[in-house]
Amino acid sequence: MPQPPPSRVPRPVAAAAAAPVPQPEWPTEGADIIIRCSDNVDLKTHKASLELASEVFEDMIYLSSRKSSRHPSSSIEKPSSEKLPIITVDDNSTVMRPLIRYLYPVPREPTKSTTRLASLLQVAHKYKIATVIERLADVLERSPLLSKSPRTFYALAMRYDMPEVAKAVYPYILSTAVDEHTLTKNFFLTPGKIREEDELRIQDLSPIFKAAAELRRSVTKKADECWKEADTMEDGCVHDEDCWMRDFKTTLDEMLKANPASPIDIVQIARKWKDRPTHYKCRSVEGYLYVVDCVNAHITQLVQNFKIPRATQSAIPKRKASKDSEEESTTTITSLTPFDCQDADLIIKTSDGTEFRVFKYILRFASPVFHSMFEIGDRHPVNTEVAAVVQTVDVTETAPVMEALLRYIYPVPRPKIQTLRELLSLLEAAIKYDITSVVPELVDVLSTTPMVAEDPISVWMFASRHGLKPVKGHALWNLVSTNATTLPSFFAHKEFRNLHPQQLQWIFALRTRYVAQITEFINAIIKGYSFSAPKSGYDADWKMQPEWVTSLQSTFTQAVLSGRPISDFDALLSDISKANGHVRPIPLLLSFGHMRDLMIQLMAQLHKQLETIV
């Protein structure tokens, strides 16, 4: 492949690309409280972090300190450990250490073990730490183990009220509850991996069993209706004794028993019938496609409309302003947001004039840039005795970007990133302030999100400026694997003039090479596999007509080169059928399925190659 040209701008190494280092403990400089665990291990931490994250810790600190206020934790000179207040918990240090790490802006390895995730969720729910539950729910929702251990994930979702996890695992858990016997065996007679599984109640699982039974009945009924509609289609089908519709109901029922919540793969049906010679006489591809599409649309609608059962644990309620009836306190966390606490010791002023009252020690631990900014001093004059101790720092970011960044640093729930612009702005700020606990997470998101397809050239230039190799590879794939570089919008893009001529030439060369590889690969499949004569056992006229060969080859090639997802290719069969008339569906679908499988492998290989050459 062509080698990448030199970049026009310097390429500093981003924090995300640095070599992995041993996981440090959270910062204890300026710690003003001790958590004493059940195994007599003392963990130094900061009151502000605990109180911002948890109203339970806030109450415990209030009682242990005799209603004293939260300390700003900005001074290095603190009392000795013997003089620090102590709060005692009945959890051991094994589970408390990773929990406290989540309250600090420090890098950490992802938790993959479901047992560890369950332990963390249990203690996070106990202390009502919403930000930890939110982050762990995101880990569960994207876990590759979701389909392998649906019972475990469903139990956690029900126990700790995580609706997004329940929604993600629902199709997998639904496929296991096919009848009452299986339900009892899978969920009540088999010991679970975690305690939450064994605590599942029959009322938690009965909706799943009922939904599975109703889904099978509803889909079977819908299939009958689809067959009748297909029977009336003027498609030239003779509907003789060898018609595929005769066995379709049986095959559909078999597939629904295996997984009633997943749409039917039309190629899988063809593979189940490949050893039935009689079906090669059928030429009703259009009716075949119509029935499968009709049934799949019904399955999708039923799954989307399914009401997830309510969790056995209520969600952590939003914190409300406390009413200090006994005694006024100006330092308790009663703010509508975590960034207007009156006892904060720093004000960040954004470019649009919004002020965020924050704690220096949190930002100092998160960012060496912020740490240096604090050393420069405050340029704003002070007028009151209270303001005299509060330093103000100006930043160039807008309020939405700075609030999102602070929420990634603080032990509070994070914002939901909805657009590519929001993601790029947030990552830009995280790189600018060298926040090593945030940059890798956002780089990982940007390296995989489909949002990059909305504007791959902007992402490419962004990644080039900051030396983000994984992001650059992802953006390059979206440029090379689609026809984006041939559209007028590519040349009219605001970033186009910033592309170095060598970079542009390199991208075009990669696109040309990609087109040649795809075209050659599909032609090889067509000649070498799809339409060769059968070896034995079938009629000699089972092969497809030449016009079908040409149509399938050209349509498939155009779809791949335009960047159309492999998952959408099934719809191409209908277009080909309408354009070319009738053909025997089984050999067509078997060939199509083989092409699809090989194309998925090839696309993965090409994607990996592009990521290695940027």
Foldseek 3Di string as FASTA:
>chain_A
DDFFDDAPADADAFLLPDDDDDFDAFDQQLFQEWEQEQVRDIDTDALLLLQVQFVLSLVQCCVQVVNDFGALSQDRDDDDPVPGGYGYDHHHPVQVRVLVRLQALGADDDDQDLQSLLSNLVVCVVRVGVASVVVSLVCLLPHPCLLVCVLSQLLSCQAAVNVSSCLSSLQNLLLQLQDPVSCCVVQPVDDDPYPSSNVDDPVLCVLSNVLLVVLLVVLLVQLVVLLVVLVPDPFPWPPDPLAPVVCPSVVVSVVCNNGVLAQDDLLVVLVVCVQPQSLLVTFPPLSSLSSSVSSRVVSVVSSVPRDNDHHPDDHRDDDAADDPPPDDDLRRPHDPDSFPRLNAQEWEAEPVGDIGRHRLVLLVSQFVQSVVQVVVFAPDDDDDPSCVRHGYDYDHHDPVLVVQLVCSSGSHHHDDDDAPVSLLSNLVVCRVRSRSSVNNVSLVCLLDPPRCLVPLVVQLVSCSNHVSLSNNLSSLLSLQFACVVVDPCCCVPPCNVVDDPSNVVVSVVSNVVVLVVLLVVLVCLLVPPQFDADPDDHDRPSGWDPVLSVQVSVVVSVCRSRPNDLVPCVVVSSVSCVVPGTHSVSSVSNSVVVVSVVVVVVSVVVSVVSSVSD
